[in-house]
């Protein structure tokens, strides 16, 4: 490989990473909103004396 081709590959690699980090999110999470707490509260209370 020639030096200019290696430099070109490195630049493409780094620019791809930068665009993925700073680009828009591509997560496919559903829009569920706020979920209510359905657990049971702790029955033990700690006194703060």
Protein backbone atom coordinates (compact mmCIF):
# COMPACT_ATOMS: atom_id res chain seq x y z
CA UNK A 1 0.00 0.00 0.00
CA UNK A 2 1.12 3.49 -0.65
CA UNK A 3 1.33 6.17 2.02
CA UNK A 4 -1.47 8.37 0.56
CA UNK A 5 -3.84 5.40 0.50
CA UNK A 6 -3.07 4.55 4.13
CA UNK A 7 -3.64 8.18 5.15
CA UNK A 8 -6.93 8.21 3.24
CA UNK A 9 -8.09 5.04 5.03
CA UNK A 10 -7.19 6.51 8.43
CA UNK A 11 -9.05 9.73 7.67
CA UNK A 12 -12.15 7.79 6.55
CA UNK A 13 -12.02 5.65 9.69
CA UNK A 14 -11.73 8.62 12.05
CA UNK A 15 -14.35 10.70 10.24
CA UNK A 16 -16.78 7.76 10.35
CA UNK A 17 -16.30 7.47 14.11
CA UNK A 18 -16.74 11.22 14.64
CA UNK A 19 -19.92 11.29 12.56
CA UNK A 20 -21.33 8.35 14.53
CA UNK A 21 -20.53 9.99 17.88
CA UNK A 22 -21.87 13.45 17.04
CA UNK A 23 -24.61 12.42 14.59
CA UNK A 24 -28.29 11.97 15.39
CA UNK A 25 -29.30 9.01 17.53
CA UNK A 26 -30.34 5.88 15.65
CA UNK A 27 -31.77 4.04 18.66
CA UNK A 28 -35.12 2.35 18.06
CA UNK A 29 -36.55 2.58 21.56
CA UNK A 30 -40.37 2.78 21.78
CA UNK A 31 -41.92 6.03 23.01
CA UNK A 32 -43.42 4.75 26.26
CA UNK A 33 -43.41 7.82 28.46
CA UNK A 34 -43.22 7.85 32.24
CA UNK A 35 -43.89 4.52 33.92
CA UNK A 36 -45.50 4.36 37.38
CA UNK A 37 -43.65 2.68 40.24
CA UNK A 38 -45.24 -0.72 40.85
CA UNK A 39 -42.86 -2.04 43.51
CA UNK A 40 -43.46 -2.50 47.18
CA UNK A 41 -41.97 0.08 49.57
CA UNK A 42 -39.44 -1.07 52.15
CA UNK A 43 -41.23 -2.01 55.37
CA UNK A 44 -38.20 -1.34 57.57
CA UNK A 45 -37.66 2.24 58.62
CA UNK A 46 -34.35 3.58 59.80
CA UNK A 47 -34.35 6.12 62.61
CA UNK A 48 -32.05 9.08 62.09
CA UNK A 49 -31.10 9.82 65.73
